[in-house]
Amino acid sequence: MNHITIPSPALTPIVEVVAAVILQPDGRFLLAQRPEGKVYSGYWEFPGGKVELGESLLHALERELWEELGIHVRYAQPWISRIFTYAHATVRLHFFRVVEWEGKLMPREMQAVSWQMPQEIAVAPILPANGPILQALLLPPLYAITRASEIGIESALQQIDRALQNGLRLLQIREKQMGKDKLREFAGKVLAQARAHQAKVLINSDAGLARETGADGVHLTSAQLMTMPRRPGPEYGLCGASCHNTEELYAAKLLGLDFVVLGPVQSTLSHPGLPPLGWRKFASIIRDYPLPVYALGGLGSEDLIIAQEMGAQGIAMMRGAA
């Protein structure tokens, strides 16, 4: 298993690096092979390079993609940052999603390039620092949360079916007022719907029920997150968590979770006692964060673009899921 080490900056200088996840509308992304003469030659990675002294991250990204691939960045979103220690250096990789560019893509360093799909990577070997990013690419931009206790089971199932037909691929069953037997039955119906669309379903707070029903993972509450000594084992599948502040984000990072949900960003009926973060604070506290983050709280699908501009994986929502 690849191990991410966070060294002391006083002991090991950290090299700042930008990396571009260049995306096509169909979900393909670009990998480049390190040419001969470079460290780890032959390995595949996301295009990018070192940030020069006094250079902003975005300027470094634009410069590197012009120098390496001959393209001009038109629109790039900040995304995930991860620290990784190689034998020769410790690097902090700042990943950007590049969704618009212009120019004819032309490898200028004689490096091989290849468009890949997240579900089926056909090149190897890949630099180990990029492994978590490949996993994050499998996560969709929308994360829906059920509310059957509020609107009724049949209405909820109809809403979920519409959302799945409209492209929803990640869903959390969160029904704190529902009895265990009824919840088990409801989960079975939701899982049957989701399987027909190759969507994934997580169970809120109950890892045992998630495993019993064959769900794709568990979503931890913030209270669980702060008391768990380690994340649930791989047999439980995906593991996400709800966070509201930097302390909870830090706990999720230490556990090595697959993603987190952070909010509320705006005022919301489901968390009336929590003051909203607002977009500025949301962006500030996830800057340089190593896990994918979904924004939550009073949001709908129309907020997806601004969420991703702020560095989020996407948005999580209850009332906007249909």
C-alpha atoms as a PDB file:
ATOM      1  CA  MET A   1       0.000   0.000   0.000  1.00  0.00           C
ATOM      2  CA  ASN A   2       1.316   3.461  -0.905  1.00  0.00           C
ATOM      3  CA  HIS A   3       2.009   5.545   2.161  1.00  0.00           C
ATOM      4  CA  ILE A   4       1.586   9.303   2.276  1.00  0.00           C
ATOM      5  CA  THR A   5       4.077  10.878   4.648  1.00  0.00           C
ATOM      6  CA  ILE A   6       3.760  14.428   5.956  1.00  0.00           C
ATOM      7  CA  PRO A   7       7.297  15.406   6.886  1.00  0.00           C
ATOM      8  CA  SER A   8       8.409  18.309   9.032  1.00  0.00           C
ATOM      9  CA  PRO A   9       9.146  21.276   6.750  1.00  0.00           C
ATOM     10  CA  ALA A  10      12.070  22.112   9.027  1.00  0.00           C
ATOM     11  CA  LEU A  11      13.665  18.760   8.216  1.00  0.00           C
ATOM     12  CA  THR A  12      12.654  18.182   4.599  1.00  0.00           C
ATOM     13  CA  PRO A  13      12.066  20.961   2.077  1.00  0.00           C
ATOM     14  CA  ILE A  14       8.807  20.502   0.218  1.00  0.00           C
ATOM     15  CA  VAL A  15       8.845  21.010  -3.545  1.00  0.00           C
ATOM     16  CA  GLU A  16       5.678  22.726  -4.779  1.00  0.00           C
ATOM     17  CA  VAL A  17       4.318  21.097  -7.936  1.00  0.00           C
ATOM     18  CA  VAL A  18       1.243  21.709 -10.084  1.00  0.00           C
ATOM     19  CA  ALA A  19      -0.516  18.878 -11.907  1.00  0.00           C
ATOM     20  CA  ALA A  20      -3.256  19.106 -14.531  1.00  0.00           C
ATOM     21  CA  VAL A  21      -6.194  16.726 -14.752  1.00  0.00           C
ATOM     22  CA  ILE A  22      -7.130  17.635 -18.343  1.00  0.00           C
ATOM     23  CA  LEU A  23     -10.715  16.493 -18.876  1.00  0.00           C
ATOM     24  CA  GLN A  24     -12.812  15.737 -21.924  1.00  0.00           C
ATOM     25  CA  PRO A  25     -16.636  16.030 -21.802  1.00  0.00           C
ATOM     26  CA  ASP A  26     -16.958  12.222 -21.905  1.00  0.00           C
ATOM     27  CA  GLY A  27     -14.855  11.832 -18.737  1.00  0.00           C
ATOM     28  CA  ARG A  28     -11.539  10.966 -20.371  1.00  0.00           C
ATOM     29  CA  PHE A  29      -8.419  12.507 -18.870  1.00  0.00           C
ATOM     30  CA  LEU A  30      -4.842  12.819 -20.079  1.00  0.00           C
ATOM     31  CA  LEU A  31      -1.802  10.986 -18.711  1.00  0.00           C
ATOM     32  CA  ALA A  32       1.765  11.593 -19.864  1.00  0.00           C
ATOM     33  CA  GLN A  33       4.759   9.249 -19.678  1.00  0.00           C
ATOM     34  CA  ARG A  34       7.929  10.624 -18.143  1.00  0.00           C
ATOM     35  CA  PRO A  35      10.638  10.671 -20.858  1.00  0.00           C
ATOM     36  CA  GLU A  36      14.072   9.093 -20.627  1.00  0.00           C
ATOM     37  CA  GLY A  37      16.569  11.064 -18.587  1.00  0.00           C
ATOM     38  CA  LYS A  38      14.050  12.110 -15.929  1.00  0.00           C
ATOM     39  CA  VAL A  39      13.583  10.536 -12.503  1.00  0.00           C
ATOM     40  CA  TYR A  40      11.043   7.688 -12.780  1.00  0.00           C
ATOM     41  CA  SER A  41      11.318   7.648 -16.580  1.00  0.00           C
ATOM     42  CA  GLY A  42       8.677   5.411 -18.113  1.00  0.00           C
ATOM     43  CA  TYR A  43       6.129   6.094 -15.360  1.00  0.00           C
ATOM     44  CA  TRP A  44       2.811   7.732 -16.205  1.00  0.00           C
ATOM     45  CA  GLU A  45       1.548  10.859 -14.451  1.00  0.00           C
ATOM     46  CA  PHE A  46      -0.658  13.900 -14.817  1.00  0.00           C
ATOM     47  CA  PRO A  47       1.095  16.660 -16.809  1.00  0.00           C
ATOM     48  CA  GLY A  48       2.649  19.470 -14.790  1.00  0.00           C
ATOM     49  CA  GLY A  49       5.818  20.521 -13.064  1.00  0.00           C
ATOM     50  CA  LYS A  50       7.559  22.562 -10.383  1.00  0.00           C
ATOM     51  CA  VAL A  51       6.337  25.973  -9.301  1.00  0.00           C
ATOM     52  CA  GLU A  52       9.024  28.602  -9.803  1.00  0.00           C
ATOM     53  CA  LEU A  53       9.984  31.080  -7.092  1.00  0.00           C
ATOM     54  CA  GLY A  54       7.390  33.864  -6.808  1.00  0.00           C
ATOM     55  CA  GLU A  55       5.054  32.151  -9.276  1.00  0.00           C
ATOM     56  CA  SER A  56       1.358  31.603  -8.540  1.00  0.00           C
ATOM     57  CA  LEU A  57       0.000  28.077  -8.831  1.00  0.00           C
ATOM     58  CA  LEU A  58      -2.289  28.970 -11.726  1.00  0.00           C
ATOM     59  CA  HIS A  59       0.499  30.714 -13.633  1.00  0.00           C
ATOM     60  CA  ALA A  60       2.754  27.698 -13.079  1.00  0.00           C
ATOM     61  CA  LEU A  61       0.009  25.430 -14.428  1.00  0.00           C
ATOM     62  CA  GLU A  62      -0.469  27.591 -17.516  1.00  0.00           C
ATOM     63  CA  ARG A  63       3.276  27.767 -18.150  1.00  0.00           C
ATOM     64  CA  GLU A  64       3.858  24.017 -17.722  1.00  0.00           C
ATOM     65  CA  LEU A  65       1.018  23.029 -20.057  1.00  0.00           C
ATOM     66  CA  TRP A  66       2.272  25.419 -22.717  1.00  0.00           C
ATOM     67  CA  GLU A  67       5.850  24.170 -22.389  1.00  0.00           C
ATOM     68  CA  GLU A  68       4.935  20.468 -22.282  1.00  0.00           C
ATOM     69  CA  LEU A  69       1.844  20.218 -24.477  1.00  0.00           C
ATOM     70  CA  GLY A  70       1.524  23.461 -26.446  1.00  0.00           C
ATOM     71  CA  ILE A  71      -1.931  24.329 -25.087  1.00  0.00           C
ATOM     72  CA  HIS A  72      -3.307  27.448 -23.396  1.00  0.00           C
ATOM     73  CA  VAL A  73      -5.479  26.974 -20.319  1.00  0.00           C
ATOM     74  CA  ARG A  74      -8.820  28.768 -20.558  1.00  0.00           C
ATOM     75  CA  TYR A  75     -10.555  27.425 -17.446  1.00  0.00           C
ATOM     76  CA  ALA A  76      -9.035  25.443 -14.582  1.00  0.00           C
ATOM     77  CA  GLN A  77     -10.535  24.596 -11.179  1.00  0.00           C
ATOM     78  CA  PRO A  78      -8.406  24.062  -8.056  1.00  0.00           C
ATOM     79  CA  TRP A  79      -9.010  20.599  -6.691  1.00  0.00           C
ATOM     80  CA  ILE A  80      -6.992  18.325  -4.387  1.00  0.00           C
ATOM     81  CA  SER A  81      -3.533  18.850  -2.881  1.00  0.00           C
ATOM     82  CA  ARG A  82      -1.438  15.971  -1.563  1.00  0.00           C
ATOM     83  CA  ILE A  83       2.018  15.654  -0.017  1.00  0.00           C
ATOM     84  CA  PHE A  84       4.030  12.644  -1.112  1.00  0.00           C
ATOM     85  CA  THR A  85       7.546  11.544  -0.198  1.00  0.00           C
ATOM     86  CA  TYR A  86       9.614   9.909  -2.926  1.00  0.00           C
ATOM     87  CA  ALA A  87      13.145   8.630  -2.410  1.00  0.00           C
ATOM     88  CA  HIS A  88      14.563  11.763  -4.038  1.00  0.00           C
ATOM     89  CA  ALA A  89      12.175  14.471  -2.809  1.00  0.00           C
ATOM     90  CA  THR A  90       9.042  15.409  -0.900  1.00  0.00           C
ATOM     91  CA  VAL A  91       6.486  17.115  -3.114  1.00  0.00           C
ATOM     92  CA  ARG A  92       3.228  18.909  -2.546  1.00  0.00           C
ATOM     93  CA  LEU A  93       1.088  18.263  -5.603  1.00  0.00           C
ATOM     94  CA  HIS A  94      -1.577  20.864  -6.357  1.00  0.00           C
ATOM     95  CA  PHE A  95      -4.056  19.234  -8.725  1.00  0.00           C
ATOM     96  CA  PHE A  96      -6.251  21.343 -11.012  1.00  0.00           C
ATOM     97  CA  ARG A  97      -9.110  20.150 -13.178  1.00  0.00           C
ATOM     98  CA  VAL A  98      -8.580  21.711 -16.614  1.00  0.00           C
ATOM     99  CA  VAL A  99     -11.923  21.701 -18.390  1.00  0.00           C
ATOM    100  CA  GLU A 100     -11.288  24.260 -21.152  1.00  0.00           C
ATOM    101  CA  TRP A 101      -8.152  24.869 -23.195  1.00  0.00           C
ATOM    102  CA  GLU A 102      -7.197  25.976 -26.680  1.00  0.00           C
ATOM    103  CA  GLY A 103      -4.540  24.953 -29.141  1.00  0.00           C
ATOM    104  CA  LYS A 104      -3.519  21.645 -30.692  1.00  0.00           C
ATOM    105  CA  LEU A 105      -2.212  19.292 -28.039  1.00  0.00           C
ATOM    106  CA  MET A 106       1.333  18.380 -29.041  1.00  0.00           C
ATOM    107  CA  PRO A 107       3.853  16.670 -26.714  1.00  0.00           C
ATOM    108  CA  ARG A 108       6.886  18.956 -26.837  1.00  0.00           C
ATOM    109  CA  GLU A 109       9.231  16.816 -24.734  1.00  0.00           C
ATOM    110  CA  MET A 110       8.831  13.708 -26.901  1.00  0.00           C
ATOM    111  CA  GLN A 111       6.769  12.163 -24.119  1.00  0.00           C
ATOM    112  CA  ALA A 112       4.009   9.674 -24.827  1.00  0.00           C
ATOM    113  CA  VAL A 113       0.484  10.790 -23.892  1.00  0.00           C
ATOM    114  CA  SER A 114      -2.725   8.816 -23.580  1.00  0.00           C
ATOM    115  CA  TRP A 115      -6.386   9.599 -22.924  1.00  0.00           C
ATOM    116  CA  GLN A 116      -7.793   7.310 -20.249  1.00  0.00           C
ATOM    117  CA  MET A 117     -11.143   6.557 -18.620  1.00  0.00           C
ATOM    118  CA  PRO A 118     -11.329   6.486 -14.788  1.00  0.00           C
ATOM    119  CA  GLN A 119     -12.996   3.074 -14.791  1.00  0.00           C
ATOM    120  CA  GLU A 120     -10.345   1.435 -16.958  1.00  0.00           C
ATOM    121  CA  ILE A 121      -6.737   2.615 -16.839  1.00  0.00           C
ATOM    122  CA  ALA A 122      -4.838   0.987 -19.703  1.00  0.00           C
ATOM    123  CA  VAL A 123      -1.303   2.310 -19.051  1.00  0.00           C
ATOM    124  CA  ALA A 124       1.285   1.361 -16.406  1.00  0.00           C
ATOM    125  CA  PRO A 125       3.178   1.919 -14.247  1.00  0.00           C
ATOM    126  CA  ILE A 126       1.650   5.071 -12.749  1.00  0.00           C
ATOM    127  CA  LEU A 127       3.510   7.229 -10.252  1.00  0.00           C
ATOM    128  CA  PRO A 128       2.190   6.260  -6.803  1.00  0.00           C
ATOM    129  CA  ALA A 129       1.380   9.839  -5.782  1.00  0.00           C
ATOM    130  CA  ASN A 130      -1.347   9.828  -8.435  1.00  0.00           C
ATOM    131  CA  GLY A 131      -3.223   6.787  -7.089  1.00  0.00           C
ATOM    132  CA  PRO A 132      -5.649   8.727  -4.849  1.00  0.00           C
ATOM    133  CA  ILE A 133      -6.411  11.118  -7.689  1.00  0.00           C
ATOM    134  CA  LEU A 134      -7.419   8.235  -9.935  1.00  0.00           C
ATOM    135  CA  GLN A 135      -9.779   7.076  -7.177  1.00  0.00           C
ATOM    136  CA  ALA A 136     -11.205  10.581  -6.812  1.00  0.00           C
ATOM    137  CA  LEU A 137     -11.926  10.663 -10.548  1.00  0.00           C
ATOM    138  CA  LEU A 138     -14.332   7.777  -9.992  1.00  0.00           C
ATOM    139  CA  LEU A 139     -16.467   9.947  -7.704  1.00  0.00           C
ATOM    140  CA  PRO A 140     -19.287  11.774  -9.507  1.00  0.00           C
ATOM    141  CA  PRO A 141     -20.013  15.493  -9.022  1.00  0.00           C
ATOM    142  CA  LEU A 142     -23.400  14.971  -7.332  1.00  0.00           C
ATOM    143  CA  TYR A 143     -24.018  13.153  -4.042  1.00  0.00           C
ATOM    144  CA  ALA A 144     -27.700  12.800  -3.154  1.00  0.00           C
ATOM    145  CA  ILE A 145     -29.113  12.177   0.321  1.00  0.00           C
ATOM    146  CA  THR A 146     -32.462  10.480   0.888  1.00  0.00           C
ATOM    147  CA  ARG A 147     -35.339  12.008   2.872  1.00  0.00           C
ATOM    148  CA  ALA A 148     -37.969   9.264   2.910  1.00  0.00           C
ATOM    149  CA  SER A 149     -38.924  10.033   6.521  1.00  0.00           C
ATOM    150  CA  GLU A 150     -39.923  13.513   5.387  1.00  0.00           C
ATOM    151  CA  ILE A 151     -41.736  12.849   2.109  1.00  0.00           C
ATOM    152  CA  GLY A 152     -42.727   9.180   2.460  1.00  0.00           C
ATOM    153  CA  ILE A 153     -41.081   6.012   1.172  1.00  0.00           C
ATOM    154  CA  GLU A 154     -42.962   5.759  -2.122  1.00  0.00           C
ATOM    155  CA  SER A 155     -42.366   9.421  -2.966  1.00  0.00           C
ATOM    156  CA  ALA A 156     -38.707   9.015  -2.077  1.00  0.00           C
ATOM    157  CA  LEU A 157     -38.331   5.957  -4.295  1.00  0.00           C
ATOM    158  CA  GLN A 158     -39.944   7.829  -7.181  1.00  0.00           C
ATOM    159  CA  GLN A 159     -37.629  10.804  -6.604  1.00  0.00           C
ATOM    160  CA  ILE A 160     -34.579   8.518  -6.503  1.00  0.00           C
ATOM    161  CA  ASP A 161     -35.663   6.782  -9.704  1.00  0.00           C
ATOM    162  CA  ARG A 162     -35.961  10.124 -11.510  1.00  0.00           C
ATOM    163  CA  ALA A 163     -32.572  11.234 -10.225  1.00  0.00           C
ATOM    164  CA  LEU A 164     -30.925   7.996 -11.349  1.00  0.00           C
ATOM    165  CA  GLN A 165     -32.463   8.348 -14.801  1.00  0.00           C
ATOM    166  CA  ASN A 166     -31.087  11.894 -14.909  1.00  0.00           C
ATOM    167  CA  GLY A 167     -27.555  10.671 -14.202  1.00  0.00           C
ATOM    168  CA  LEU A 168     -27.211  10.444 -10.400  1.00  0.00           C
ATOM    169  CA  ARG A 169     -24.517   7.895  -9.528  1.00  0.00           C
ATOM    170  CA  LEU A 170     -23.834   8.356  -5.789  1.00  0.00           C
ATOM    171  CA  LEU A 171     -26.471   8.232  -3.063  1.00  0.00           C
ATOM    172  CA  GLN A 172     -26.539   8.190   0.725  1.00  0.00           C
ATOM    173  CA  ILE A 173     -29.391   6.577   2.646  1.00  0.00           C
ATOM    174  CA  ARG A 174     -29.850   8.840   5.689  1.00  0.00           C
ATOM    175  CA  GLU A 175     -33.036   8.049   7.588  1.00  0.00           C
ATOM    176  CA  LYS A 176     -32.423   8.648  11.287  1.00  0.00           C
ATOM    177  CA  GLN A 177     -36.122   8.454  12.200  1.00  0.00           C
ATOM    178  CA  MET A 178     -36.731   5.130  10.459  1.00  0.00           C
ATOM    179  CA  GLY A 179     -36.825   1.848  12.418  1.00  0.00           C
ATOM    180  CA  LYS A 180     -34.179  -0.763  11.644  1.00  0.00           C
ATOM    181  CA  ASP A 181     -36.489  -3.231   9.885  1.00  0.00           C
ATOM    182  CA  LYS A 182     -38.122  -0.567   7.742  1.00  0.00           C
ATOM    183  CA  LEU A 183     -34.704   0.933   6.986  1.00  0.00           C
ATOM    184  CA  ARG A 184     -33.364  -2.452   5.884  1.00  0.00           C
ATOM    185  CA  GLU A 185     -36.344  -2.894   3.553  1.00  0.00           C
ATOM    186  CA  PHE A 186     -36.005   0.637   2.181  1.00  0.00           C
ATOM    187  CA  ALA A 187     -32.280   0.160   1.614  1.00  0.00           C
ATOM    188  CA  GLY A 188     -32.936  -3.026  -0.340  1.00  0.00           C
ATOM    189  CA  LYS A 189     -35.311  -1.199  -2.674  1.00  0.00           C
ATOM    190  CA  VAL A 190     -32.909   1.707  -3.180  1.00  0.00           C
ATOM    191  CA  LEU A 191     -30.030  -0.668  -3.876  1.00  0.00           C
ATOM    192  CA  ALA A 192     -32.100  -2.491  -6.500  1.00  0.00           C
ATOM    193  CA  GLN A 193     -32.828   0.819  -8.215  1.00  0.00           C
ATOM    194  CA  ALA A 194     -29.201   1.893  -8.047  1.00  0.00           C
ATOM    195  CA  ARG A 195     -27.827  -1.380  -9.426  1.00  0.00           C
ATOM    196  CA  ALA A 196     -29.887  -0.900 -12.582  1.00  0.00           C
ATOM    197  CA  HIS A 197     -27.947   2.314 -13.233  1.00  0.00           C
ATOM    198  CA  GLN A 198     -24.493   1.239 -11.945  1.00  0.00           C
ATOM    199  CA  ALA A 199     -24.857   3.796  -9.130  1.00  0.00           C
ATOM    200  CA  LYS A 200     -23.294   3.444  -5.675  1.00  0.00           C
ATOM    201  CA  VAL A 201     -25.189   3.604  -2.371  1.00  0.00           C
ATOM    202  CA  LEU A 202     -23.776   4.395   1.071  1.00  0.00           C
ATOM    203  CA  ILE A 203     -25.558   3.855   4.391  1.00  0.00           C
ATOM    204  CA  ASN A 204     -25.395   6.643   6.960  1.00  0.00           C
ATOM    205  CA  SER A 205     -23.644   5.760  10.262  1.00  0.00           C
ATOM    206  CA  ASP A 206     -24.377   1.993  10.295  1.00  0.00           C
ATOM    207  CA  ALA A 207     -21.445   0.014   8.858  1.00  0.00           C
ATOM    208  CA  GLY A 208     -23.066  -3.260   9.905  1.00  0.00           C
ATOM    209  CA  LEU A 209     -26.231  -2.528   7.947  1.00  0.00           C
ATOM    210  CA  ALA A 210     -24.148  -1.391   4.978  1.00  0.00           C
ATOM    211  CA  ARG A 211     -22.362  -4.719   4.898  1.00  0.00           C
ATOM    212  CA  GLU A 212     -25.537  -6.721   5.564  1.00  0.00           C
ATOM    213  CA  THR A 213     -27.455  -5.106   2.695  1.00  0.00           C
ATOM    214  CA  GLY A 214     -24.545  -5.199   0.252  1.00  0.00           C
ATOM    215  CA  ALA A 215     -24.295  -1.407   0.068  1.00  0.00           C
ATOM    216  CA  ASP A 216     -21.227   0.167  -1.498  1.00  0.00           C
ATOM    217  CA  GLY A 217     -20.030   1.844   1.676  1.00  0.00           C
ATOM    218  CA  VAL A 218     -20.777   3.776   4.840  1.00  0.00           C
ATOM    219  CA  HIS A 219     -21.054   7.484   5.575  1.00  0.00           C
ATOM    220  CA  LEU A 220     -19.841   8.454   9.045  1.00  0.00           C
ATOM    221  CA  THR A 221     -21.455  11.150  11.145  1.00  0.00           C
ATOM    222  CA  SER A 222     -19.186  13.886  12.474  1.00  0.00           C
ATOM    223  CA  ALA A 223     -19.547  12.403  15.989  1.00  0.00           C
ATOM    224  CA  GLN A 224     -18.405   8.982  14.759  1.00  0.00           C
ATOM    225  CA  LEU A 225     -15.561  10.576  12.846  1.00  0.00           C
ATOM    226  CA  MET A 226     -14.126  12.216  15.956  1.00  0.00           C
ATOM    227  CA  THR A 227     -14.105   9.005  18.016  1.00  0.00           C
ATOM    228  CA  MET A 228     -12.977   6.381  15.476  1.00  0.00           C
ATOM    229  CA  PRO A 229      -9.395   5.103  15.895  1.00  0.00           C
ATOM    230  CA  ARG A 230      -9.301   3.891  12.276  1.00  0.00           C
ATOM    231  CA  ARG A 231     -11.519   3.803   9.193  1.00  0.00           C
ATOM    232  CA  PRO A 232     -13.760   0.782   8.556  1.00  0.00           C
ATOM    233  CA  GLY A 233     -11.931  -1.998   6.738  1.00  0.00           C
ATOM    234  CA  PRO A 234     -11.910  -2.400   2.961  1.00  0.00           C
ATOM    235  CA  GLU A 235     -14.692  -4.970   3.180  1.00  0.00           C
ATOM    236  CA  TYR A 236     -17.066  -2.078   3.969  1.00  0.00           C
ATOM    237  CA  GLY A 237     -16.314  -0.319   0.685  1.00  0.00           C
ATOM    238  CA  LEU A 238     -16.312   3.449   0.286  1.00  0.00           C
ATOM    239  CA  CYS A 239     -16.119   5.561   3.418  1.00  0.00           C
ATOM    240  CA  GLY A 240     -17.186   9.194   3.587  1.00  0.00           C
ATOM    241  CA  ALA A 241     -17.908  11.485   6.520  1.00  0.00           C
ATOM    242  CA  SER A 242     -19.774  14.651   7.441  1.00  0.00           C
ATOM    243  CA  CYS A 243     -17.604  17.597   8.512  1.00  0.00           C
ATOM    244  CA  HIS A 244     -18.406  21.087   9.737  1.00  0.00           C
ATOM    245  CA  ASN A 245     -15.015  22.528  10.698  1.00  0.00           C
ATOM    246  CA  THR A 246     -11.248  22.169  10.310  1.00  0.00           C
ATOM    247  CA  GLU A 247     -10.923  19.751  13.248  1.00  0.00           C
ATOM    248  CA  GLU A 248     -13.279  17.270  11.633  1.00  0.00           C
ATOM    249  CA  LEU A 249     -11.588  17.696   8.261  1.00  0.00           C
ATOM    250  CA  TYR A 250      -8.270  16.895   9.938  1.00  0.00           C
ATOM    251  CA  ALA A 251      -9.717  13.754  11.551  1.00  0.00           C
ATOM    252  CA  ALA A 252     -11.024  12.546   8.180  1.00  0.00           C
ATOM    253  CA  LYS A 253      -7.600  13.116   6.642  1.00  0.00           C
ATOM    254  CA  LEU A 254      -5.901  11.079   9.373  1.00  0.00           C
ATOM    255  CA  LEU A 255      -8.329   8.197   8.842  1.00  0.00           C
ATOM    256  CA  GLY A 256      -7.662   8.248   5.097  1.00  0.00           C
ATOM    257  CA  LEU A 257     -11.321   8.427   4.087  1.00  0.00           C
ATOM    258  CA  ASP A 258     -12.416   8.418   0.462  1.00  0.00           C
ATOM    259  CA  PHE A 259     -14.207  11.784   0.647  1.00  0.00           C
ATOM    260  CA  VAL A 260     -15.935  14.204   2.998  1.00  0.00           C
ATOM    261  CA  VAL A 261     -19.012  16.401   2.955  1.00  0.00           C
ATOM    262  CA  LEU A 262     -18.541  19.916   4.358  1.00  0.00           C
ATOM    263  CA  GLY A 263     -21.289  22.306   5.364  1.00  0.00           C
ATOM    264  CA  PRO A 264     -23.602  23.935   5.719  1.00  0.00           C
ATOM    265  CA  VAL A 265     -22.434  26.344   3.049  1.00  0.00           C
ATOM    266  CA  GLN A 266     -25.772  28.147   3.087  1.00  0.00           C
ATOM    267  CA  SER A 267     -28.686  28.132   5.537  1.00  0.00           C
ATOM    268  CA  THR A 268     -30.502  24.819   5.532  1.00  0.00           C
ATOM    269  CA  LEU A 269     -33.570  23.296   7.190  1.00  0.00           C
ATOM    270  CA  SER A 270     -31.696  20.100   8.066  1.00  0.00           C
ATOM    271  CA  HIS A 271     -29.075  21.962  10.184  1.00  0.00           C
ATOM    272  CA  PRO A 272     -30.954  24.984  11.594  1.00  0.00           C
ATOM    273  CA  GLY A 273     -28.546  25.425  14.518  1.00  0.00           C
ATOM    274  CA  LEU A 274     -25.360  25.651  12.471  1.00  0.00           C
ATOM    275  CA  PRO A 275     -24.296  29.021  11.037  1.00  0.00           C
ATOM    276  CA  PRO A 276     -23.564  28.772   7.302  1.00  0.00           C
ATOM    277  CA  LEU A 277     -19.927  28.840   6.209  1.00  0.00           C
ATOM    278  CA  GLY A 278     -20.453  30.821   3.029  1.00  0.00           C
ATOM    279  CA  TRP A 279     -18.408  30.150  -0.098  1.00  0.00           C
ATOM    280  CA  ARG A 280     -15.402  32.214   0.943  1.00  0.00           C
ATOM    281  CA  LYS A 281     -14.833  30.314   4.190  1.00  0.00           C
ATOM    282  CA  PHE A 282     -15.618  27.004   2.498  1.00  0.00           C
ATOM    283  CA  ALA A 283     -12.894  27.638  -0.082  1.00  0.00           C
ATOM    284  CA  SER A 284     -10.447  28.811   2.564  1.00  0.00           C
ATOM    285  CA  ILE A 285     -10.672  25.754   4.811  1.00  0.00           C
ATOM    286  CA  ILE A 286     -10.418  23.188   2.004  1.00  0.00           C
ATOM    287  CA  ARG A 287      -7.452  24.873   0.341  1.00  0.00           C
ATOM    288  CA  ASP A 288      -4.591  22.339   0.111  1.00  0.00           C
ATOM    289  CA  TYR A 289      -6.872  19.589   1.490  1.00  0.00           C
ATOM    290  CA  PRO A 290      -5.975  16.043   0.342  1.00  0.00           C
ATOM    291  CA  LEU A 291      -9.464  14.480   0.127  1.00  0.00           C
ATOM    292  CA  PRO A 292     -12.352  15.159  -2.273  1.00  0.00           C
ATOM    293  CA  VAL A 293     -14.899  17.478  -0.638  1.00  0.00           C
ATOM    294  CA  TYR A 294     -18.614  17.776  -1.398  1.00  0.00           C
ATOM    295  CA  ALA A 295     -20.258  21.081  -0.491  1.00  0.00           C
ATOM    296  CA  LEU A 296     -23.530  20.687   1.433  1.00  0.00           C
ATOM    297  CA  GLY A 297     -26.237  22.969   2.715  1.00  0.00           C
ATOM    298  CA  GLY A 298     -29.012  24.764   0.851  1.00  0.00           C
ATOM    299  CA  LEU A 299     -27.545  23.845  -2.518  1.00  0.00           C
ATOM    300  CA  GLY A 300     -28.992  22.645  -5.801  1.00  0.00           C
ATOM    301  CA  SER A 301     -27.540  21.460  -9.083  1.00  0.00           C
ATOM    302  CA  GLU A 302     -27.242  25.087 -10.234  1.00  0.00           C
ATOM    303  CA  ASP A 303     -24.551  25.557  -7.539  1.00  0.00           C
ATOM    304  CA  LEU A 304     -22.256  22.859  -8.944  1.00  0.00           C
ATOM    305  CA  ILE A 305     -20.085  25.213 -11.010  1.00  0.00           C
ATOM    306  CA  ILE A 306     -19.375  27.611  -8.155  1.00  0.00           C
ATOM    307  CA  ALA A 307     -18.677  24.687  -5.796  1.00  0.00           C
ATOM    308  CA  GLN A 308     -16.053  23.307  -8.167  1.00  0.00           C
ATOM    309  CA  GLU A 309     -14.578  26.775  -8.667  1.00  0.00           C
ATOM    310  CA  MET A 310     -14.105  26.860  -4.881  1.00  0.00           C
ATOM    311  CA  GLY A 311     -12.200  23.550  -4.993  1.00  0.00           C
ATOM    312  CA  ALA A 312     -14.996  21.081  -4.267  1.00  0.00           C
ATOM    313  CA  GLN A 313     -15.468  17.659  -5.818  1.00  0.00           C
ATOM    314  CA  GLY A 314     -19.095  18.615  -6.267  1.00  0.00           C
ATOM    315  CA  ILE A 315     -22.225  19.112  -4.200  1.00  0.00           C
ATOM    316  CA  ALA A 316     -24.278  16.987  -1.830  1.00  0.00           C
ATOM    317  CA  MET A 317     -27.977  17.703  -1.612  1.00  0.00           C
ATOM    318  CA  MET A 318     -31.288  16.463  -0.294  1.00  0.00           C
ATOM    319  CA  ARG A 319     -34.067  18.629  -1.737  1.00  0.00           C
ATOM    320  CA  GLY A 320     -32.333  19.144  -5.051  1.00  0.00           C
ATOM    321  CA  ALA A 321     -31.679  15.468  -5.772  1.00  0.00           C
ATOM    322  CA  ALA A 322     -34.557  14.759  -8.136  1.00  0.00           C
END
